[in-house]
Amino acid sequence: VVQPGGSLRLSCAASGIISTIYYMSW
């Protein structure tokens, strides 16, 4: 929860067969 005007940083940790990933998105 953040107030208007504030900041957050989202993270997405990947595991498994990640060497074949060519595109990542939110």
mmCIF file of all heavy atoms, coordinates in Angstrom:
data_MODEL
# 
_entry.id   MODEL 
# 
loop_
_atom_site.group_PDB 
_atom_site.id 
_atom_site.type_symbol 
_atom_site.label_atom_id 
_atom_site.label_alt_id 
_atom_site.label_comp_id 
_atom_site.label_asym_id 
_atom_site.label_entity_id 
_atom_site.label_seq_id 
_atom_site.pdbx_PDB_ins_code 
_atom_site.Cartn_x 
_atom_site.Cartn_y 
_atom_site.Cartn_z 
_atom_site.occupancy 
_atom_site.B_iso_or_equiv 
_atom_site.pdbx_formal_charge 
_atom_site.auth_seq_id 
_atom_site.auth_comp_id 
_atom_site.auth_asym_id 
_atom_site.auth_atom_id 
_atom_site.pdbx_PDB_model_num 
ATOM 1   N N   . VAL A 1 1  ? 0.852  -1.185  0.000   1.00 0.00 ? 1  VAL A N   1 
ATOM 2   C CA  . VAL A 1 1  ? 0.000  0.000   0.000   1.00 0.00 ? 1  VAL A CA  1 
ATOM 3   C C   . VAL A 1 1  ? 0.889  1.237   0.000   1.00 0.00 ? 1  VAL A C   1 
ATOM 4   O O   . VAL A 1 1  ? 1.827  1.331   0.802   1.00 0.00 ? 1  VAL A O   1 
ATOM 5   C CB  . VAL A 1 1  ? -0.926 0.015   1.221   1.00 0.00 ? 1  VAL A CB  1 
ATOM 6   C CG1 . VAL A 1 1  ? -1.804 1.270   1.202   1.00 0.00 ? 1  VAL A CG1 1 
ATOM 7   C CG2 . VAL A 1 1  ? -1.783 -1.246  1.263   1.00 0.00 ? 1  VAL A CG2 1 
ATOM 8   N N   . VAL A 1 2  ? 0.611  2.160   -0.888  1.00 0.00 ? 2  VAL A N   1 
ATOM 9   C CA  . VAL A 1 2  ? 1.418  3.375   -1.002  1.00 0.00 ? 2  VAL A CA  1 
ATOM 10  C C   . VAL A 1 2  ? 0.500  4.559   -1.287  1.00 0.00 ? 2  VAL A C   1 
ATOM 11  O O   . VAL A 1 2  ? -0.568 4.394   -1.885  1.00 0.00 ? 2  VAL A O   1 
ATOM 12  C CB  . VAL A 1 2  ? 2.479  3.203   -2.110  1.00 0.00 ? 2  VAL A CB  1 
ATOM 13  C CG1 . VAL A 1 2  ? 1.822  3.011   -3.472  1.00 0.00 ? 2  VAL A CG1 1 
ATOM 14  C CG2 . VAL A 1 2  ? 3.470  4.339   -2.130  1.00 0.00 ? 2  VAL A CG2 1 
ATOM 15  N N   . GLN A 1 3  ? 0.914  5.728   -0.860  1.00 0.00 ? 3  GLN A N   1 
ATOM 16  C CA  . GLN A 1 3  ? 0.127  6.928   -1.115  1.00 0.00 ? 3  GLN A CA  1 
ATOM 17  C C   . GLN A 1 3  ? 0.333  7.415   -2.544  1.00 0.00 ? 3  GLN A C   1 
ATOM 18  O O   . GLN A 1 3  ? 1.377  7.141   -3.157  1.00 0.00 ? 3  GLN A O   1 
ATOM 19  C CB  . GLN A 1 3  ? 0.527  8.023   -0.135  1.00 0.00 ? 3  GLN A CB  1 
ATOM 20  C CG  . GLN A 1 3  ? 0.133  7.738   1.307   1.00 0.00 ? 3  GLN A CG  1 
ATOM 21  C CD  . GLN A 1 3  ? 0.394  8.922   2.216   1.00 0.00 ? 3  GLN A CD  1 
ATOM 22  O OE1 . GLN A 1 3  ? 1.183  9.812   1.895   1.00 0.00 ? 3  GLN A OE1 1 
ATOM 23  N NE2 . GLN A 1 3  ? -0.284 8.943   3.357   1.00 0.00 ? 3  GLN A NE2 1 
ATOM 24  N N   . PRO A 1 4  ? -0.625 8.137   -3.081  1.00 0.00 ? 4  PRO A N   1 
ATOM 25  C CA  . PRO A 1 4  ? -0.437 8.731   -4.411  1.00 0.00 ? 4  PRO A CA  1 
ATOM 26  C C   . PRO A 1 4  ? 0.842  9.556   -4.464  1.00 0.00 ? 4  PRO A C   1 
ATOM 27  O O   . PRO A 1 4  ? 1.151  10.290  -3.510  1.00 0.00 ? 4  PRO A O   1 
ATOM 28  C CB  . PRO A 1 4  ? -1.684 9.609   -4.584  1.00 0.00 ? 4  PRO A CB  1 
ATOM 29  C CG  . PRO A 1 4  ? -2.719 8.954   -3.738  1.00 0.00 ? 4  PRO A CG  1 
ATOM 30  C CD  . PRO A 1 4  ? -1.973 8.412   -2.548  1.00 0.00 ? 4  PRO A CD  1 
ATOM 31  N N   . GLY A 1 5  ? 1.564  9.407   -5.561  1.00 0.00 ? 5  GLY A N   1 
ATOM 32  C CA  . GLY A 1 5  ? 2.848  10.077  -5.703  1.00 0.00 ? 5  GLY A CA  1 
ATOM 33  C C   . GLY A 1 5  ? 4.021  9.267   -5.201  1.00 0.00 ? 5  GLY A C   1 
ATOM 34  O O   . GLY A 1 5  ? 5.178  9.642   -5.435  1.00 0.00 ? 5  GLY A O   1 
ATOM 35  N N   . GLY A 1 6  ? 3.747  8.177   -4.526  1.00 0.00 ? 6  GLY A N   1 
ATOM 36  C CA  . GLY A 1 6  ? 4.806  7.343   -3.978  1.00 0.00 ? 6  GLY A CA  1 
ATOM 37  C C   . GLY A 1 6  ? 5.400  6.391   -4.991  1.00 0.00 ? 6  GLY A C   1 
ATOM 38  O O   . GLY A 1 6  ? 5.026  6.396   -6.183  1.00 0.00 ? 6  GLY A O   1 
ATOM 39  N N   . SER A 1 7  ? 6.319  5.558   -4.508  1.00 0.00 ? 7  SER A N   1 
ATOM 40  C CA  . SER A 1 7  ? 7.038  4.621   -5.373  1.00 0.00 ? 7  SER A CA  1 
ATOM 41  C C   . SER A 1 7  ? 7.038  3.227   -4.770  1.00 0.00 ? 7  SER A C   1 
ATOM 42  O O   . SER A 1 7  ? 6.978  3.064   -3.545  1.00 0.00 ? 7  SER A O   1 
ATOM 43  C CB  . SER A 1 7  ? 8.490  5.076   -5.562  1.00 0.00 ? 7  SER A CB  1 
ATOM 44  O OG  . SER A 1 7  ? 8.565  6.323   -6.205  1.00 0.00 ? 7  SER A OG  1 
ATOM 45  N N   . LEU A 1 8  ? 7.124  2.247   -5.656  1.00 0.00 ? 8  LEU A N   1 
ATOM 46  C CA  . LEU A 1 8  ? 7.310  0.853   -5.261  1.00 0.00 ? 8  LEU A CA  1 
ATOM 47  C C   . LEU A 1 8  ? 8.195  0.206   -6.314  1.00 0.00 ? 8  LEU A C   1 
ATOM 48  O O   . LEU A 1 8  ? 8.184  0.607   -7.483  1.00 0.00 ? 8  LEU A O   1 
ATOM 49  C CB  . LEU A 1 8  ? 5.982  0.094   -5.199  1.00 0.00 ? 8  LEU A CB  1 
ATOM 50  C CG  . LEU A 1 8  ? 5.071  0.276   -3.994  1.00 0.00 ? 8  LEU A CG  1 
ATOM 51  C CD1 . LEU A 1 8  ? 3.761  -0.476  -4.219  1.00 0.00 ? 8  LEU A CD1 1 
ATOM 52  C CD2 . LEU A 1 8  ? 5.742  -0.192  -2.719  1.00 0.00 ? 8  LEU A CD2 1 
ATOM 53  N N   . ARG A 1 9  ? 8.923  -0.832  -5.886  1.00 0.00 ? 9  ARG A N   1 
ATOM 54  C CA  . ARG A 1 9  ? 9.659  -1.642  -6.851  1.00 0.00 ? 9  ARG A CA  1 
ATOM 55  C C   . ARG A 1 9  ? 9.198  -3.088  -6.721  1.00 0.00 ? 9  ARG A C   1 
ATOM 56  O O   . ARG A 1 9  ? 9.337  -3.704  -5.661  1.00 0.00 ? 9  ARG A O   1 
ATOM 57  C CB  . ARG A 1 9  ? 11.165 -1.562  -6.637  1.00 0.00 ? 9  ARG A CB  1 
ATOM 58  C CG  . ARG A 1 9  ? 11.930 -2.262  -7.766  1.00 0.00 ? 9  ARG A CG  1 
ATOM 59  C CD  . ARG A 1 9  ? 13.422 -2.150  -7.637  1.00 0.00 ? 9  ARG A CD  1 
ATOM 60  N NE  . ARG A 1 9  ? 13.966 -3.077  -6.651  1.00 0.00 ? 9  ARG A NE  1 
ATOM 61  C CZ  . ARG A 1 9  ? 15.235 -3.459  -6.632  1.00 0.00 ? 9  ARG A CZ  1 
ATOM 62  N NH1 . ARG A 1 9  ? 16.085 -3.007  -7.548  1.00 0.00 ? 9  ARG A NH1 1 
ATOM 63  N NH2 . ARG A 1 9  ? 15.667 -4.270  -5.693  1.00 0.00 ? 9  ARG A NH2 1 
ATOM 64  N N   . LEU A 1 10 ? 8.660  -3.600  -7.805  1.00 0.00 ? 10 LEU A N   1 
ATOM 65  C CA  . LEU A 1 10 ? 8.245  -4.997  -7.846  1.00 0.00 ? 10 LEU A CA  1 
ATOM 66  C C   . LEU A 1 10 ? 9.395  -5.858  -8.351  1.00 0.00 ? 10 LEU A C   1 
ATOM 67  O O   . LEU A 1 10 ? 10.178 -5.422  -9.197  1.00 0.00 ? 10 LEU A O   1 
ATOM 68  C CB  . LEU A 1 10 ? 7.035  -5.177  -8.764  1.00 0.00 ? 10 LEU A CB  1 
ATOM 69  C CG  . LEU A 1 10 ? 5.812  -4.319  -8.467  1.00 0.00 ? 10 LEU A CG  1 
ATOM 70  C CD1 . LEU A 1 10 ? 4.681  -4.691  -9.426  1.00 0.00 ? 10 LEU A CD1 1 
ATOM 71  C CD2 . LEU A 1 10 ? 5.373  -4.451  -7.031  1.00 0.00 ? 10 LEU A CD2 1 
ATOM 72  N N   . SER A 1 11 ? 9.459  -7.064  -7.818  1.00 0.00 ? 11 SER A N   1 
ATOM 73  C CA  . SER A 1 11 ? 10.470 -8.031  -8.258  1.00 0.00 ? 11 SER A CA  1 
ATOM 74  C C   . SER A 1 11 ? 9.783  -9.311  -8.711  1.00 0.00 ? 11 SER A C   1 
ATOM 75  O O   . SER A 1 11 ? 8.739  -9.680  -8.180  1.00 0.00 ? 11 SER A O   1 
ATOM 76  C CB  . SER A 1 11 ? 11.439 -8.360  -7.118  1.00 0.00 ? 11 SER A CB  1 
ATOM 77  O OG  . SER A 1 11 ? 12.114 -7.218  -6.669  1.00 0.00 ? 11 SER A OG  1 
ATOM 78  N N   . CYS A 1 12 ? 10.393 -9.980  -9.663  1.00 0.00 ? 12 CYS A N   1 
ATOM 79  C CA  . CYS A 1 12 ? 9.908  -11.276 -10.139 1.00 0.00 ? 12 CYS A CA  1 
ATOM 80  C C   . CYS A 1 12 ? 11.115 -12.192 -10.240 1.00 0.00 ? 12 CYS A C   1 
ATOM 81  O O   . CYS A 1 12 ? 11.958 -12.020 -11.129 1.00 0.00 ? 12 CYS A O   1 
ATOM 82  C CB  . CYS A 1 12 ? 9.215  -11.129 -11.484 1.00 0.00 ? 12 CYS A CB  1 
ATOM 83  S SG  . CYS A 1 12 ? 8.767  -12.700 -12.265 1.00 0.00 ? 12 CYS A SG  1 
ATOM 84  N N   . ALA A 1 13 ? 11.203 -13.136 -9.323  1.00 0.00 ? 13 ALA A N   1 
ATOM 85  C CA  . ALA A 1 13 ? 12.320 -14.075 -9.310  1.00 0.00 ? 13 ALA A CA  1 
ATOM 86  C C   . ALA A 1 13 ? 11.981 -15.288 -10.169 1.00 0.00 ? 13 ALA A C   1 
ATOM 87  O O   . ALA A 1 13 ? 10.941 -15.919 -9.964  1.00 0.00 ? 13 ALA A O   1 
ATOM 88  C CB  . ALA A 1 13 ? 12.624 -14.504 -7.888  1.00 0.00 ? 13 ALA A CB  1 
ATOM 89  N N   . ALA A 1 14 ? 12.851 -15.588 -11.100 1.00 0.00 ? 14 ALA A N   1 
ATOM 90  C CA  . ALA A 1 14 ? 12.625 -16.708 -12.019 1.00 0.00 ? 14 ALA A CA  1 
ATOM 91  C C   . ALA A 1 14 ? 13.536 -17.878 -11.667 1.00 0.00 ? 14 ALA A C   1 
ATOM 92  O O   . ALA A 1 14 ? 14.700 -17.698 -11.306 1.00 0.00 ? 14 ALA A O   1 
ATOM 93  C CB  . ALA A 1 14 ? 12.880 -16.257 -13.452 1.00 0.00 ? 14 ALA A CB  1 
ATOM 94  N N   . SER A 1 15 ? 12.998 -19.084 -11.794 1.00 0.00 ? 15 SER A N   1 
ATOM 95  C CA  . SER A 1 15 ? 13.781 -20.288 -11.587 1.00 0.00 ? 15 SER A CA  1 
ATOM 96  C C   . SER A 1 15 ? 13.298 -21.365 -12.553 1.00 0.00 ? 15 SER A C   1 
ATOM 97  O O   . SER A 1 15 ? 12.259 -21.210 -13.191 1.00 0.00 ? 15 SER A O   1 
ATOM 98  C CB  . SER A 1 15 ? 13.665 -20.781 -10.137 1.00 0.00 ? 15 SER A CB  1 
ATOM 99  O OG  . SER A 1 15 ? 12.323 -21.075 -9.816  1.00 0.00 ? 15 SER A OG  1 
ATOM 100 N N   . GLY A 1 16 ? 14.055 -22.426 -12.647 1.00 0.00 ? 16 GLY A N   1 
ATOM 101 C CA  . GLY A 1 16 ? 13.710 -23.477 -13.593 1.00 0.00 ? 16 GLY A CA  1 
ATOM 102 C C   . GLY A 1 16 ? 14.541 -23.343 -14.854 1.00 0.00 ? 16 GLY A C   1 
ATOM 103 O O   . GLY A 1 16 ? 15.692 -22.918 -14.808 1.00 0.00 ? 16 GLY A O   1 
ATOM 104 N N   . ILE A 1 17 ? 13.945 -23.653 -15.987 1.00 0.00 ? 17 ILE A N   1 
ATOM 105 C CA  . ILE A 1 17 ? 14.673 -23.614 -17.260 1.00 0.00 ? 17 ILE A CA  1 
ATOM 106 C C   . ILE A 1 17 ? 14.594 -22.190 -17.808 1.00 0.00 ? 17 ILE A C   1 
ATOM 107 O O   . ILE A 1 17 ? 13.829 -21.882 -18.720 1.00 0.00 ? 17 ILE A O   1 
ATOM 108 C CB  . ILE A 1 17 ? 14.094 -24.637 -18.247 1.00 0.00 ? 17 ILE A CB  1 
ATOM 109 C CG1 . ILE A 1 17 ? 14.041 -26.024 -17.600 1.00 0.00 ? 17 ILE A CG1 1 
ATOM 110 C CG2 . ILE A 1 17 ? 14.938 -24.676 -19.521 1.00 0.00 ? 17 ILE A CG2 1 
ATOM 111 C CD1 . ILE A 1 17 ? 13.374 -27.079 -18.445 1.00 0.00 ? 17 ILE A CD1 1 
ATOM 112 N N   . ILE A 1 18 ? 15.420 -21.303 -17.244 1.00 0.00 ? 18 ILE A N   1 
ATOM 113 C CA  . ILE A 1 18 ? 15.337 -19.890 -17.586 1.00 0.00 ? 18 ILE A CA  1 
ATOM 114 C C   . ILE A 1 18 ? 16.206 -19.511 -18.767 1.00 0.00 ? 18 ILE A C   1 
ATOM 115 O O   . ILE A 1 18 ? 16.071 -18.411 -19.301 1.00 0.00 ? 18 ILE A O   1 
ATOM 116 C CB  . ILE A 1 18 ? 15.682 -19.014 -16.368 1.00 0.00 ? 18 ILE A CB  1 
ATOM 117 C CG1 . ILE A 1 18 ? 17.112 -19.309 -15.909 1.00 0.00 ? 18 ILE A CG1 1 
ATOM 118 C CG2 . ILE A 1 18 ? 14.685 -19.224 -15.251 1.00 0.00 ? 18 ILE A CG2 1 
ATOM 119 C CD1 . ILE A 1 18 ? 17.571 -18.403 -14.799 1.00 0.00 ? 18 ILE A CD1 1 
ATOM 120 N N   . SER A 1 19 ? 17.089 -20.384 -19.183 1.00 0.00 ? 19 SER A N   1 
ATOM 121 C CA  . SER A 1 19 ? 18.009 -20.046 -20.268 1.00 0.00 ? 19 SER A CA  1 
ATOM 122 C C   . SER A 1 19 ? 17.300 -19.857 -21.600 1.00 0.00 ? 19 SER A C   1 
ATOM 123 O O   . SER A 1 19 ? 17.852 -19.240 -22.507 1.00 0.00 ? 19 SER A O   1 
ATOM 124 C CB  . SER A 1 19 ? 19.072 -21.133 -20.407 1.00 0.00 ? 19 SER A CB  1 
ATOM 125 O OG  . SER A 1 19 ? 18.469 -22.375 -20.715 1.00 0.00 ? 19 SER A OG  1 
ATOM 126 N N   . THR A 1 20 ? 16.068 -20.362 -21.711 1.00 0.00 ? 20 THR A N   1 
ATOM 127 C CA  . THR A 1 20 ? 15.339 -20.243 -22.975 1.00 0.00 ? 20 THR A CA  1 
ATOM 128 C C   . THR A 1 20 ? 14.398 -19.038 -23.009 1.00 0.00 ? 20 THR A C   1 
ATOM 129 O O   . THR A 1 20 ? 13.697 -18.825 -23.989 1.00 0.00 ? 20 THR A O   1 
ATOM 130 C CB  . THR A 1 20 ? 14.526 -21.520 -23.247 1.00 0.00 ? 20 THR A CB  1 
ATOM 131 O OG1 . THR A 1 20 ? 13.548 -21.684 -22.214 1.00 0.00 ? 20 THR A OG1 1 
ATOM 132 C CG2 . THR A 1 20 ? 15.420 -22.737 -23.285 1.00 0.00 ? 20 THR A CG2 1 
ATOM 133 N N   . ILE A 1 21 ? 14.366 -18.249 -21.935 1.00 0.00 ? 21 ILE A N   1 
ATOM 134 C CA  . ILE A 1 21 ? 13.486 -17.067 -21.899 1.00 0.00 ? 21 ILE A CA  1 
ATOM 135 C C   . ILE A 1 21 ? 14.010 -16.022 -22.861 1.00 0.00 ? 21 ILE A C   1 
ATOM 136 O O   . ILE A 1 21 ? 15.203 -15.703 -22.869 1.00 0.00 ? 21 ILE A O   1 
ATOM 137 C CB  . ILE A 1 21 ? 13.417 -16.479 -20.473 1.00 0.00 ? 21 ILE A CB  1 
ATOM 138 C CG1 . ILE A 1 21 ? 12.724 -17.464 -19.530 1.00 0.00 ? 21 ILE A CG1 1 
ATOM 139 C CG2 . ILE A 1 21 ? 12.671 -15.155 -20.480 1.00 0.00 ? 21 ILE A CG2 1 
ATOM 140 C CD1 . ILE A 1 21 ? 12.751 -17.005 -18.081 1.00 0.00 ? 21 ILE A CD1 1 
ATOM 141 N N   . TYR A 1 22 ? 13.107 -15.462 -23.671 1.00 0.00 ? 22 TYR A N   1 
ATOM 142 C CA  . TYR A 1 22 ? 13.513 -14.384 -24.569 1.00 0.00 ? 22 TYR A CA  1 
ATOM 143 C C   . TYR A 1 22 ? 12.659 -13.129 -24.409 1.00 0.00 ? 22 TYR A C   1 
ATOM 144 O O   . TYR A 1 22 ? 12.923 -12.103 -25.031 1.00 0.00 ? 22 TYR A O   1 
ATOM 145 C CB  . TYR A 1 22 ? 13.472 -14.850 -26.037 1.00 0.00 ? 22 TYR A CB  1 
ATOM 146 C CG  . TYR A 1 22 ? 12.109 -15.318 -26.513 1.00 0.00 ? 22 TYR A CG  1 
ATOM 147 C CD1 . TYR A 1 22 ? 11.195 -14.417 -27.044 1.00 0.00 ? 22 TYR A CD1 1 
ATOM 148 C CD2 . TYR A 1 22 ? 11.758 -16.656 -26.440 1.00 0.00 ? 22 TYR A CD2 1 
ATOM 149 C CE1 . TYR A 1 22 ? 9.957  -14.851 -27.490 1.00 0.00 ? 22 TYR A CE1 1 
ATOM 150 C CE2 . TYR A 1 22 ? 10.528 -17.099 -26.878 1.00 0.00 ? 22 TYR A CE2 1 
ATOM 151 C CZ  . TYR A 1 22 ? 9.630  -16.186 -27.401 1.00 0.00 ? 22 TYR A CZ  1 
ATOM 152 O OH  . TYR A 1 22 ? 8.405  -16.609 -27.843 1.00 0.00 ? 22 TYR A OH  1 
ATOM 153 N N   . TYR A 1 23 ? 11.649 -13.204 -23.578 1.00 0.00 ? 23 TYR A N   1 
ATOM 154 C CA  . TYR A 1 23 ? 10.726 -12.073 -23.402 1.00 0.00 ? 23 TYR A CA  1 
ATOM 155 C C   . TYR A 1 23 ? 10.189 -12.113 -21.978 1.00 0.00 ? 23 TYR A C   1 
ATOM 156 O O   . TYR A 1 23 ? 9.725  -13.161 -21.509 1.00 0.00 ? 23 TYR A O   1 
ATOM 157 C CB  . TYR A 1 23 ? 9.591  -12.207 -24.409 1.00 0.00 ? 23 TYR A CB  1 
ATOM 158 C CG  . TYR A 1 23 ? 8.462  -11.225 -24.272 1.00 0.00 ? 23 TYR A CG  1 
ATOM 159 C CD1 . TYR A 1 23 ? 8.444  -10.027 -24.991 1.00 0.00 ? 23 TYR A CD1 1 
ATOM 160 C CD2 . TYR A 1 23 ? 7.365  -11.511 -23.461 1.00 0.00 ? 23 TYR A CD2 1 
ATOM 161 C CE1 . TYR A 1 23 ? 7.386  -9.144  -24.900 1.00 0.00 ? 23 TYR A CE1 1 
ATOM 162 C CE2 . TYR A 1 23 ? 6.312  -10.628 -23.360 1.00 0.00 ? 23 TYR A CE2 1 
ATOM 163 C CZ  . TYR A 1 23 ? 6.321  -9.451  -24.086 1.00 0.00 ? 23 TYR A CZ  1 
ATOM 164 O OH  . TYR A 1 23 ? 5.273  -8.578  -23.988 1.00 0.00 ? 23 TYR A OH  1 
ATOM 165 N N   . MET A 1 24 ? 10.243 -10.967 -21.282 1.00 0.00 ? 24 MET A N   1 
ATOM 166 C CA  . MET A 1 24 ? 9.710  -10.881 -19.930 1.00 0.00 ? 24 MET A CA  1 
ATOM 167 C C   . MET A 1 24 ? 8.843  -9.631  -19.831 1.00 0.00 ? 24 MET A C   1 
ATOM 168 O O   . MET A 1 24 ? 9.154  -8.605  -20.465 1.00 0.00 ? 24 MET A O   1 
ATOM 169 C CB  . MET A 1 24 ? 10.835 -10.823 -18.892 1.00 0.00 ? 24 MET A CB  1 
ATOM 170 C CG  . MET A 1 24 ? 11.782 -12.002 -18.947 1.00 0.00 ? 24 MET A CG  1 
ATOM 171 S SD  . MET A 1 24 ? 12.992 -12.003 -17.608 1.00 0.00 ? 24 MET A SD  1 
ATOM 172 C CE  . MET A 1 24 ? 11.976 -12.586 -16.239 1.00 0.00 ? 24 MET A CE  1 
ATOM 173 N N   . SER A 1 25 ? 7.802  -9.712  -19.038 1.00 0.00 ? 25 SER A N   1 
ATOM 174 C CA  . SER A 1 25 ? 6.887  -8.574  -18.978 1.00 0.00 ? 25 SER A CA  1 
ATOM 175 C C   . SER A 1 25 ? 6.136  -8.531  -17.660 1.00 0.00 ? 25 SER A C   1 
ATOM 176 O O   . SER A 1 25 ? 6.145  -9.500  -16.881 1.00 0.00 ? 25 SER A O   1 
ATOM 177 C CB  . SER A 1 25 ? 5.893  -8.654  -20.141 1.00 0.00 ? 25 SER A CB  1 
ATOM 178 O OG  . SER A 1 25 ? 5.130  -9.834  -20.047 1.00 0.00 ? 25 SER A OG  1 
ATOM 179 N N   . TRP A 1 26 ? 5.508  -7.400  -17.438 1.00 0.00 ? 26 TRP A N   1 
ATOM 180 C CA  . TRP A 1 26 ? 4.597  -7.196  -16.319 1.00 0.00 ? 26 TRP A CA  1 
ATOM 181 C C   . TRP A 1 26 ? 3.217  -6.896  -16.885 1.00 0.00 ? 26 TRP A C   1 
ATOM 182 O O   . TRP A 1 26 ? 3.071  -6.043  -17.772 1.00 0.00 ? 26 TRP A O   1 
ATOM 183 C CB  . TRP A 1 26 ? 5.044  -6.036  -15.443 1.00 0.00 ? 26 TRP A CB  1 
ATOM 184 C CG  . TRP A 1 26 ? 6.251  -6.318  -14.624 1.00 0.00 ? 26 TRP A CG  1 
ATOM 185 C CD1 . TRP A 1 26 ? 7.543  -6.000  -14.933 1.00 0.00 ? 26 TRP A CD1 1 
ATOM 186 C CD2 . TRP A 1 26 ? 6.288  -6.980  -13.359 1.00 0.00 ? 26 TRP A CD2 1 
ATOM 187 N NE1 . TRP A 1 26 ? 8.381  -6.425  -13.936 1.00 0.00 ? 26 TRP A NE1 1 
ATOM 188 C CE2 . TRP A 1 26 ? 7.641  -7.018  -12.951 1.00 0.00 ? 26 TRP A CE2 1 
ATOM 189 C CE3 . TRP A 1 26 ? 5.320  -7.528  -12.531 1.00 0.00 ? 26 TRP A CE3 1 
ATOM 190 C CZ2 . TRP A 1 26 ? 8.046  -7.594  -11.746 1.00 0.00 ? 26 TRP A CZ2 1 
ATOM 191 C CZ3 . TRP A 1 26 ? 5.718  -8.098  -11.333 1.00 0.00 ? 26 TRP A CZ3 1 
ATOM 192 C CH2 . TRP A 1 26 ? 7.065  -8.135  -10.950 1.00 0.00 ? 26 TRP A CH2 1 
# 
